[in-house]
Amino acid sequence: MLTAEFWVAVAFVMFIGVLVYFGVHKMILDALDERSARIKAELDEARRLKEEAQALLAEYQRKKDDAELEAAGILAGAKAEAERLAAEAKAKSEEFLARRTKLAEFKITQAETQALADVRNAAAEAAVAAAERILTDTVKGKLADDLIGKGIAEVKSKLN
């Protein structure tokens, strides 16, 4: 007769019929389609974000490369400037040394000239004193005084 399995099968068929009558299969399909669309939208958004991140990464990599090039240029410029300043300082110190040497040589020459003039003056004064002594010892009187004064004046004017 009618067994329990039969009634389970009839109940199952009726349950499926009720589900079909109320359109549950369409709601399930719609829910699955909606979920599929949402997953697809999320995947599209994730792909778009990944592309943006890659573009940003490429841009920052380019900026990093530009900054490294600029830093290398600045470093090369600073090195060239330092070398130029060192060469300029060396040239200035050599010029200063040459100027000081020339000044010292000029002062030495001037001192030699002054010493030579002092020696000549001392020799002239000694010659005048010796001549005066000799003339005073040999010539006497007013004539001697006139001759001595005139001779001394002449010797002084010629030696100076």
Protein backbone atom coordinates (compact mmCIF):
# COMPACT_ATOMS: atom_id res chain seq x y z
CA MET A 1 0.00 0.00 0.00
CA LEU A 2 1.13 3.39 0.47
CA THR A 3 4.39 3.40 2.20
CA ALA A 4 6.18 6.13 4.01
CA GLU A 5 8.59 6.56 1.14
CA PHE A 6 5.69 7.15 -1.19
CA TRP A 7 4.31 9.90 1.04
CA VAL A 8 7.78 11.42 1.31
CA ALA A 9 8.01 11.42 -2.49
CA VAL A 10 4.53 12.97 -2.81
CA ALA A 11 5.41 15.61 -0.22
CA PHE A 12 8.63 16.35 -2.04
CA VAL A 13 6.85 16.74 -5.40
CA MET A 14 4.25 18.97 -3.76
CA PHE A 15 7.01 21.03 -2.12
CA ILE A 16 8.73 21.47 -5.50
CA GLY A 17 5.37 22.37 -7.05
CA VAL A 18 4.74 25.02 -4.37
CA LEU A 19 8.20 26.44 -4.95
CA VAL A 20 7.57 26.60 -8.72
CA TYR A 21 4.10 28.09 -8.20
CA PHE A 22 5.42 30.91 -6.04
CA GLY A 23 8.42 31.46 -8.40
CA VAL A 24 11.08 30.67 -5.85
CA HIS A 25 13.33 29.35 -8.60
CA LYS A 26 13.20 32.79 -10.27
CA MET A 27 14.01 34.49 -6.98
CA ILE A 28 16.94 32.12 -6.46
CA LEU A 29 18.17 32.75 -10.02
CA ASP A 30 17.69 36.51 -9.57
CA ALA A 31 19.61 36.39 -6.27
CA LEU A 32 22.38 34.40 -7.95
CA ASP A 33 22.44 36.82 -10.90
CA GLU A 34 22.50 39.77 -8.52
CA ARG A 35 25.34 38.20 -6.56
CA SER A 36 27.20 37.44 -9.79
CA ALA A 37 26.77 41.07 -10.94
CA ARG A 38 27.98 42.35 -7.56
CA ILE A 39 31.04 40.06 -7.68
CA LYS A 40 31.72 41.19 -11.27
CA ALA A 41 31.44 44.85 -10.20
CA GLU A 42 33.83 44.22 -7.30
CA LEU A 43 36.29 42.49 -9.63
CA ASP A 44 36.05 45.42 -12.08
CA GLU A 45 36.63 47.88 -9.22
CA ALA A 46 39.59 45.82 -7.98
CA ARG A 47 41.04 45.75 -11.54
CA ARG A 48 40.57 49.53 -11.85
CA LEU A 49 42.25 50.10 -8.45
CA LYS A 50 45.10 47.80 -9.44
CA GLU A 51 45.63 49.76 -12.68
CA GLU A 52 45.57 53.05 -10.75
CA ALA A 53 48.09 51.67 -8.26
CA GLN A 54 50.35 50.53 -11.10
CA ALA A 55 50.06 53.97 -12.75
CA LEU A 56 50.90 55.67 -9.43
CA LEU A 57 53.81 53.28 -8.90
CA ALA A 58 55.13 54.06 -12.39
CA GLU A 59 54.73 57.81 -11.78
CA TYR A 60 56.55 57.66 -8.44
CA GLN A 61 59.27 55.51 -10.00
CA ARG A 62 59.70 58.14 -12.73
CA LYS A 63 59.79 60.90 -10.11
CA LYS A 64 62.37 58.93 -8.11
CA ASP A 65 64.51 58.50 -11.24
CA ASP A 66 64.18 62.22 -12.02
CA ALA A 67 65.14 63.10 -8.44
CA GLU A 68 68.18 60.80 -8.63
CA LEU A 69 69.25 62.44 -11.90
CA GLU A 70 68.76 65.89 -10.39
CA ALA A 71 70.71 64.90 -7.27
CA ALA A 72 73.54 63.58 -9.45
CA GLY A 73 73.52 66.86 -11.39
CA ILE A 74 73.59 68.90 -8.20
CA LEU A 75 76.42 66.76 -6.86
CA ALA A 76 78.42 67.17 -10.07
CA GLY A 77 77.78 70.93 -10.01
CA ALA A 78 78.86 71.18 -6.39
CA LYS A 79 82.02 69.18 -7.13
CA ALA A 80 82.83 71.43 -10.10
CA GLU A 81 82.16 74.53 -7.98
CA ALA A 82 84.42 73.21 -5.21
CA GLU A 83 87.19 72.51 -7.71
CA ARG A 84 86.75 75.98 -9.23
CA LEU A 85 86.89 77.60 -5.78
CA ALA A 86 89.99 75.58 -4.87
CA ALA A 87 91.71 76.62 -8.10
CA GLU A 88 90.66 80.23 -7.54
CA ALA A 89 91.96 80.17 -3.95
CA LYS A 90 95.24 78.65 -5.13
CA ALA A 91 95.61 81.32 -7.83
CA LYS A 92 94.83 84.08 -5.32
CA SER A 93 97.33 82.72 -2.80
CA GLU A 94 100.01 82.44 -5.52
CA GLU A 95 99.22 85.99 -6.63
CA PHE A 96 99.40 87.18 -3.01
CA LEU A 97 102.71 85.38 -2.52
CA ALA A 98 104.12 86.89 -5.74
CA ARG A 99 102.95 90.36 -4.68
CA ARG A 100 104.49 89.95 -1.21
CA THR A 101 107.74 88.66 -2.73
CA LYS A 102 107.87 91.59 -5.12
CA LEU A 103 107.18 94.01 -2.24
CA ALA A 104 109.93 92.40 -0.15
CA GLU A 105 112.37 92.61 -3.07
CA PHE A 106 111.44 96.27 -3.55
CA LYS A 107 112.02 96.98 0.15
CA ILE A 108 115.36 95.14 0.03
CA THR A 109 116.40 97.19 -3.02
CA GLN A 110 115.26 100.36 -1.29
CA ALA A 111 117.20 99.42 1.86
CA GLU A 112 120.32 98.67 -0.23
CA THR A 113 119.98 102.04 -1.97
CA GLN A 114 119.50 103.79 1.38
CA ALA A 115 122.49 101.95 2.87
CA LEU A 116 124.63 102.89 -0.14
CA ALA A 117 123.55 106.54 0.21
CA ASP A 118 124.30 106.43 3.94
CA VAL A 119 127.76 104.97 3.25
CA ARG A 120 128.45 107.66 0.62
CA ASN A 121 127.32 110.37 3.02
CA ALA A 122 129.51 108.96 5.79
CA ALA A 123 132.46 108.70 3.37
CA ALA A 124 131.88 112.27 2.19
CA GLU A 125 131.70 113.55 5.73
CA ALA A 126 134.86 111.63 6.61
CA ALA A 127 136.62 113.01 3.50
CA VAL A 128 135.45 116.53 4.34
CA ALA A 129 136.65 116.17 7.92
CA ALA A 130 140.01 114.80 6.78
CA ALA A 131 140.39 117.55 4.17
CA GLU A 132 139.42 120.13 6.76
CA ARG A 133 142.01 118.82 9.19
CA ILE A 134 144.71 118.66 6.55
CA LEU A 135 143.95 122.15 5.28
CA THR A 136 143.74 123.62 8.76
CA ASP A 137 147.09 122.10 9.60
CA THR A 138 148.74 123.40 6.40
CA VAL A 139 146.95 126.64 5.60
CA LYS A 140 146.60 129.40 8.20
CA GLY A 141 144.76 132.68 8.47
CA LYS A 142 141.81 134.28 6.71
CA LEU A 143 142.68 132.77 3.37
CA ALA A 144 142.68 129.34 4.96
CA ASP A 145 139.26 129.90 6.47
CA ASP A 146 137.82 131.07 3.12
CA LEU A 147 139.39 128.18 1.23
CA ILE A 148 138.22 125.64 3.77
CA GLY A 149 134.64 126.93 3.79
CA LYS A 150 134.50 127.05 -0.03
CA GLY A 151 136.06 123.56 -0.37
CA ILE A 152 133.76 122.03 2.21
CA ALA A 153 130.69 123.51 0.50
CA GLU A 154 131.87 122.21 -2.89
CA VAL A 155 132.60 118.71 -1.58
CA LYS A 156 129.23 118.52 0.18
CA SER A 157 127.35 119.69 -2.90
CA LYS A 158 129.16 117.20 -5.18
CA LEU A 159 128.84 114.20 -2.86
CA ASN A 160 125.15 114.72 -2.05
